[in-house]
């Protein structure tokens, strides 16, 4: 084989390799992953997962044979590659990728060896002194990886979701808990005299926290007229948050209001101070955790 890239310019696409690539490459995060030494996409005998040399008495490092899925492209090389590092330099990353301007061309080298647009993934990072390698970090992602968006409740209605941007935002939270803990308190649109209010209540047990992450306020026309207010009050009846906006949105990280500990009860209310009779209501989205 030496080098094999599929799909590759100026030659027929291999149906077998394409099928294997599609099956394995869907949703690959971070650009792709290295096929483990115990596995193979098309080779009868598995290759060596682009295993990087960990130390060297000179500035040349060896990268073993391997297969990878990179940018939706299959690539394989069954010969060892040599990469020459710069002297006295930190953070030199060696990549494996494909040259998409030439047929069946695998690149194993530094960033400068790749053209703009060539797919690549990191293999190792090196640090050197004047004549040898002094530090090494394995950067390979070994084995099939699937990038599925973590979804969390975040918004002003019960179907609003947003992509979690860090693992800490969903750490220790199963999908079941996230769905269970996300709640809404609807106040149906109804007739309100001037100076009157509609309300709904929520009890928060000791040891838990309530975070309000969205409020929708509207009259029967779908607007929020001046003098119509949505409020959140704690267990002592003290108002902790209010808004006159039709839609007010926070997040799990920056909620509109946070109430810690037992609240018996929290009061969500829509208050009319418009000077007239209105038909109005609202929805309060929150989480208890």
Protein backbone atom coordinates (compact mmCIF):
# COMPACT_ATOMS: atom_id res chain seq x y z
CA UNK A 1 0.00 0.00 0.00
CA UNK A 2 2.69 2.55 1.11
CA UNK A 3 0.21 5.49 0.98
CA UNK A 4 -3.52 5.22 0.46
CA UNK A 5 -6.00 8.09 0.69
CA UNK A 6 -9.68 7.71 -0.09
CA UNK A 7 -11.31 9.64 -1.65
CA UNK A 8 -8.28 10.85 -3.57
CA UNK A 9 -7.94 13.06 -6.66
CA UNK A 10 -7.26 11.65 -10.12
CA UNK A 11 -8.26 8.09 -9.42
CA UNK A 12 -11.42 6.07 -9.01
CA UNK A 13 -12.99 6.02 -5.56
CA UNK A 14 -12.85 2.64 -3.81
CA UNK A 15 -16.39 1.60 -2.87
CA UNK A 16 -15.07 -0.71 -0.15
CA UNK A 17 -12.91 1.94 1.53
CA UNK A 18 -15.56 4.63 1.10
CA UNK A 19 -18.17 2.47 2.83
CA UNK A 20 -15.78 1.72 5.69
CA UNK A 21 -14.86 5.40 6.01
CA UNK A 22 -18.47 6.59 6.08
CA UNK A 23 -19.38 3.98 8.68
CA UNK A 24 -16.48 4.97 10.94
CA UNK A 25 -16.07 8.68 10.24
CA UNK A 26 -19.53 10.04 10.94
CA UNK A 27 -19.43 12.83 13.55
CA UNK A 28 -15.69 12.34 14.21
CA UNK A 29 -14.71 15.14 16.65
CA UNK A 30 -11.64 17.31 16.40
CA UNK A 31 -11.11 16.39 12.77
CA UNK A 32 -10.72 12.63 13.21
CA UNK A 33 -8.96 9.79 15.03
CA UNK A 34 -6.25 7.16 14.67
CA UNK A 35 -7.20 3.54 14.09
CA UNK A 36 -5.84 1.51 17.05
CA UNK A 37 -3.07 -1.03 16.51
CA UNK A 38 -5.54 -3.79 17.42
CA UNK A 39 -7.93 -2.78 14.62
CA UNK A 40 -7.89 -2.10 10.90
CA UNK A 41 -10.17 -0.46 8.38
CA UNK A 42 -8.95 -2.35 5.30
CA UNK A 43 -5.62 -4.01 6.13
CA UNK A 44 -5.54 -7.75 6.75
CA UNK A 45 -2.86 -7.14 9.41
CA UNK A 46 -3.41 -4.07 11.59
CA UNK A 47 -0.80 -1.33 11.36
CA UNK A 48 0.80 0.43 14.32
CA UNK A 49 -1.48 3.43 14.95
CA UNK A 50 1.10 6.06 13.90
CA UNK A 51 2.93 5.37 17.18
CA UNK A 52 5.34 8.29 17.73
CA UNK A 53 8.92 7.91 18.91
CA UNK A 54 9.07 9.16 22.48
CA UNK A 55 12.73 10.13 22.70
CA UNK A 56 15.58 10.74 20.32
CA UNK A 57 19.29 11.46 20.67
CA UNK A 58 19.05 13.73 17.62
CA UNK A 59 16.38 15.95 16.07
CA UNK A 60 14.81 13.20 13.93
CA UNK A 61 11.75 11.36 15.29
CA UNK A 62 10.14 8.25 13.80
CA UNK A 63 6.38 7.89 13.36
CA UNK A 64 5.26 4.30 12.87
CA UNK A 65 2.79 2.94 10.31
CA UNK A 66 -0.89 3.52 10.76
CA UNK A 67 -4.39 4.20 9.54
CA UNK A 68 -6.61 7.16 10.42
CA UNK A 69 -9.91 8.81 9.65
CA UNK A 70 -9.15 12.50 9.08
CA UNK A 71 -11.70 15.06 7.95
CA UNK A 72 -13.97 12.33 6.59
CA UNK A 73 -11.08 10.87 4.58
CA UNK A 74 -9.47 7.46 5.08
CA UNK A 75 -5.69 7.43 4.99
CA UNK A 76 -3.10 4.76 5.61
CA UNK A 77 0.67 4.43 5.44
CA UNK A 78 2.51 1.12 5.89
CA UNK A 79 6.05 2.51 6.12
CA UNK A 80 7.70 4.41 8.97
CA UNK A 81 7.99 8.20 8.56
CA UNK A 82 10.84 10.44 9.73
CA UNK A 83 10.19 14.01 10.84
CA UNK A 84 13.03 16.46 11.51
CA UNK A 85 12.38 18.88 14.36
CA UNK A 86 13.81 22.36 14.87
CA UNK A 87 16.52 22.79 17.50
CA UNK A 88 15.81 24.50 20.83
CA UNK A 89 12.08 24.80 20.19
CA UNK A 90 9.00 24.01 22.31
CA UNK A 91 5.54 22.86 21.26
CA UNK A 92 6.45 21.29 17.93
CA UNK A 93 3.42 19.27 16.90
CA UNK A 94 3.68 16.44 14.40
CA UNK A 95 0.52 15.75 12.42
CA UNK A 96 -0.80 13.05 10.14
CA UNK A 97 -3.03 14.04 7.27
CA UNK A 98 -3.59 13.93 3.55
CA UNK A 99 -2.47 16.01 0.58
CA UNK A 100 -5.73 16.47 -1.28
CA UNK A 101 -4.00 17.95 -4.34
CA UNK A 102 -2.29 14.66 -5.24
CA UNK A 103 -3.53 11.07 -5.42
CA UNK A 104 -2.80 8.75 -2.49
CA UNK A 105 -0.48 11.10 -0.60
CA UNK A 106 -0.26 10.86 3.18
CA UNK A 107 1.61 13.61 5.02
CA UNK A 108 3.32 12.98 8.35
CA UNK A 109 5.03 16.18 9.44
CA UNK A 110 4.90 19.59 11.06
CA UNK A 111 2.23 22.21 10.36
CA UNK A 112 4.46 23.81 7.76
CA UNK A 113 4.34 20.61 5.70
CA UNK A 114 0.60 20.98 5.10
CA UNK A 115 -1.17 23.26 2.65
CA UNK A 116 -4.18 25.27 3.74
CA UNK A 117 -7.21 23.01 3.64
CA UNK A 118 -5.32 19.73 3.97
CA UNK A 119 -7.04 17.64 6.67
CA UNK A 120 -4.80 16.72 9.60
CA UNK A 121 -4.86 15.54 13.21
CA UNK A 122 -2.08 15.74 15.85
CA UNK A 123 0.11 12.74 16.64
CA UNK A 124 2.64 14.10 19.15
CA UNK A 125 4.17 17.29 20.50
CA UNK A 126 7.92 17.59 21.09
CA UNK A 127 10.35 19.93 22.80
CA UNK A 128 14.00 20.04 21.80
CA UNK A 129 17.31 21.46 22.93
CA UNK A 130 20.20 22.17 20.56
CA UNK A 131 20.66 18.56 19.51
CA UNK A 132 17.97 16.20 20.85
CA UNK A 133 14.38 15.67 22.02
CA UNK A 134 13.86 16.70 25.64
CA UNK A 135 10.09 16.30 26.10
CA UNK A 136 7.27 14.38 24.44
CA UNK A 137 3.45 14.32 24.64
CA UNK A 138 1.29 11.77 22.83
CA UNK A 139 -1.56 13.67 21.14
CA UNK A 140 -3.28 10.82 19.34
CA UNK A 141 -6.99 10.16 19.68
CA UNK A 142 -7.07 6.37 19.50
CA UNK A 143 -10.21 4.56 18.49
CA UNK A 144 -13.54 5.56 17.11
CA UNK A 145 -14.87 8.79 18.55
CA UNK A 146 -18.41 10.07 18.12
CA UNK A 147 -19.23 13.72 18.62
CA UNK A 148 -22.81 13.99 19.83
CA UNK A 149 -23.93 17.41 21.00
CA UNK A 150 -24.62 17.54 24.71
CA UNK A 151 -27.94 19.31 25.10
CA UNK A 152 -29.05 21.10 28.21
CA UNK A 153 -32.15 23.09 29.12
CA UNK A 154 -31.61 26.78 28.59
CA UNK A 155 -34.23 29.28 27.58
CA UNK A 156 -37.66 30.69 28.06
CA UNK A 157 -39.88 27.75 27.18
CA UNK A 158 -39.96 24.02 27.88
CA UNK A 159 -38.48 23.02 24.54
CA UNK A 160 -35.56 25.46 24.53
CA UNK A 161 -32.15 23.81 24.50
CA UNK A 162 -28.61 24.98 23.93
CA UNK A 163 -25.38 23.16 23.24
CA UNK A 164 -23.19 22.70 26.30
CA UNK A 165 -19.85 24.35 25.60
CA UNK A 166 -17.79 22.51 28.20
CA UNK A 167 -17.82 19.18 29.98
CA UNK A 168 -18.18 20.95 33.33
CA UNK A 169 -21.61 22.16 32.29
CA UNK A 170 -22.94 18.60 32.12
CA UNK A 171 -20.55 16.91 34.58
CA UNK A 172 -22.42 14.49 36.81
CA UNK A 173 -25.72 15.31 35.11
CA UNK A 174 -27.39 12.49 33.25
CA UNK A 175 -29.92 13.27 30.54
CA UNK A 176 -32.61 11.94 32.88
CA UNK A 177 -31.65 14.38 35.62
CA UNK A 178 -31.45 17.32 33.24
CA UNK A 179 -34.92 16.62 31.89
CA UNK A 180 -36.35 15.91 35.35
CA UNK A 181 -34.92 19.04 36.94
CA UNK A 182 -36.03 21.42 34.16
CA UNK A 183 -39.44 22.86 34.93
CA UNK A 184 -41.89 25.54 33.85
CA UNK A 185 -44.49 27.47 35.82
CA UNK A 186 -47.16 28.67 33.38
CA UNK A 187 -49.61 31.41 34.32
CA UNK A 188 -52.41 31.20 31.72
CA UNK A 189 -53.54 34.40 30.06
CA UNK A 190 -56.44 35.67 32.12
CA UNK A 191 -58.30 38.83 33.12
CA UNK A 192 -56.40 41.08 35.52
CA UNK A 193 -57.79 44.19 37.14
CA UNK A 194 -55.45 47.14 37.50
CA UNK A 195 -53.38 46.52 40.65
CA UNK A 196 -54.15 42.80 40.65
CA UNK A 197 -51.87 39.83 39.99
CA UNK A 198 -51.93 36.16 38.99
CA UNK A 199 -49.46 33.82 40.63
CA UNK A 200 -48.22 30.25 40.90
CA UNK A 201 -46.06 28.66 43.59
CA UNK A 202 -43.11 26.25 43.80
CA UNK A 203 -41.71 24.58 46.89
CA UNK A 204 -37.91 24.16 47.02
CA UNK A 205 -36.65 21.59 49.57
CA UNK A 206 -33.73 22.24 51.88
CA UNK A 207 -30.35 21.52 50.27
CA UNK A 208 -31.49 22.35 46.74
CA UNK A 209 -31.21 25.45 44.56
CA UNK A 210 -33.71 27.02 42.20
CA UNK A 211 -32.38 28.88 39.15
CA UNK A 212 -34.72 30.91 36.96
CA UNK A 213 -33.42 30.80 33.39
CA UNK A 214 -36.22 32.32 31.35
CA UNK A 215 -39.43 34.35 31.62
CA UNK A 216 -42.06 35.09 28.99
CA UNK A 217 -44.59 37.85 29.72
CA UNK A 218 -47.46 38.74 27.38
CA UNK A 219 -51.01 39.95 27.00
CA UNK A 220 -53.64 38.49 24.69
CA UNK A 221 -52.09 40.26 21.69
CA UNK A 222 -48.70 38.63 22.38
CA UNK A 223 -47.12 41.85 23.65
CA UNK A 224 -45.98 43.09 27.06
CA UNK A 225 -47.58 46.52 27.60
CA UNK A 226 -46.02 49.10 29.90
CA UNK A 227 -47.03 48.43 33.50
CA UNK A 228 -47.22 44.65 33.12
CA UNK A 229 -44.54 42.96 35.26
CA UNK A 230 -43.34 39.43 35.93
CA UNK A 231 -41.85 38.90 39.40
CA UNK A 232 -40.07 36.18 41.37
CA UNK A 233 -40.27 36.28 45.18
CA UNK A 234 -38.48 34.05 47.68
CA UNK A 235 -39.94 32.06 50.54
CA UNK A 236 -40.20 35.14 52.77
CA UNK A 237 -42.21 37.00 50.15
CA UNK A 238 -39.33 39.31 49.21
CA UNK A 239 -39.21 40.17 45.54
CA UNK A 240 -35.89 38.94 44.08
CA UNK A 241 -36.39 39.64 40.40
CA UNK A 242 -38.76 41.51 38.12
CA UNK A 243 -39.00 42.26 34.41
CA UNK A 244 -41.28 44.22 32.09
CA UNK A 245 -39.88 42.61 28.95
CA UNK A 246 -41.83 40.23 26.79
CA UNK A 247 -38.95 37.75 26.91
CA UNK A 248 -36.10 37.63 29.41
CA UNK A 249 -33.46 34.91 29.13
CA UNK A 250 -30.60 33.74 31.33
CA UNK A 251 -28.57 30.53 31.29
CA UNK A 252 -27.64 27.77 33.71
CA UNK A 253 -24.34 29.57 34.31
CA UNK A 254 -25.87 33.06 34.63
CA UNK A 255 -29.48 32.59 35.75
CA UNK A 256 -31.87 35.51 36.14
CA UNK A 257 -32.14 34.73 39.83
CA UNK A 258 -30.80 32.00 42.13
CA UNK A 259 -32.58 30.97 45.33
CA UNK A 260 -30.57 28.68 47.60
CA UNK A 261 -32.06 26.39 50.24
CA UNK A 262 -35.62 25.79 51.37
CA UNK A 263 -38.20 28.14 49.89
CA UNK A 264 -41.74 27.60 51.13
CA UNK A 265 -42.76 28.72 48.62
CA UNK A 266 -41.23 30.61 45.70
CA UNK A 267 -43.88 32.85 44.12
CA UNK A 268 -44.00 33.47 40.38
CA UNK A 269 -46.41 36.29 39.55
CA UNK A 270 -47.71 38.48 36.73
CA UNK A 271 -48.75 41.90 38.08
CA UNK A 272 -50.90 44.50 36.35
CA UNK A 273 -50.11 48.18 36.92
CA UNK A 274 -51.14 49.36 33.46
CA UNK A 275 -54.00 51.51 34.72
CA UNK A 276 -56.48 49.36 32.85
CA UNK A 277 -57.95 45.85 32.77
CA UNK A 278 -55.80 43.48 30.74
CA UNK A 279 -55.78 39.84 29.82
CA UNK A 280 -52.21 38.66 30.49
CA UNK A 281 -50.10 35.75 31.63
CA UNK A 282 -46.60 34.36 31.49
CA UNK A 283 -44.25 31.38 31.71
CA UNK A 284 -41.34 30.99 34.11
CA UNK A 285 -38.65 28.47 33.14
CA UNK A 286 -36.37 27.22 35.91
CA UNK A 287 -34.36 24.31 37.19
CA UNK A 288 -34.12 22.80 40.68
CA UNK A 289 -30.87 21.00 41.45
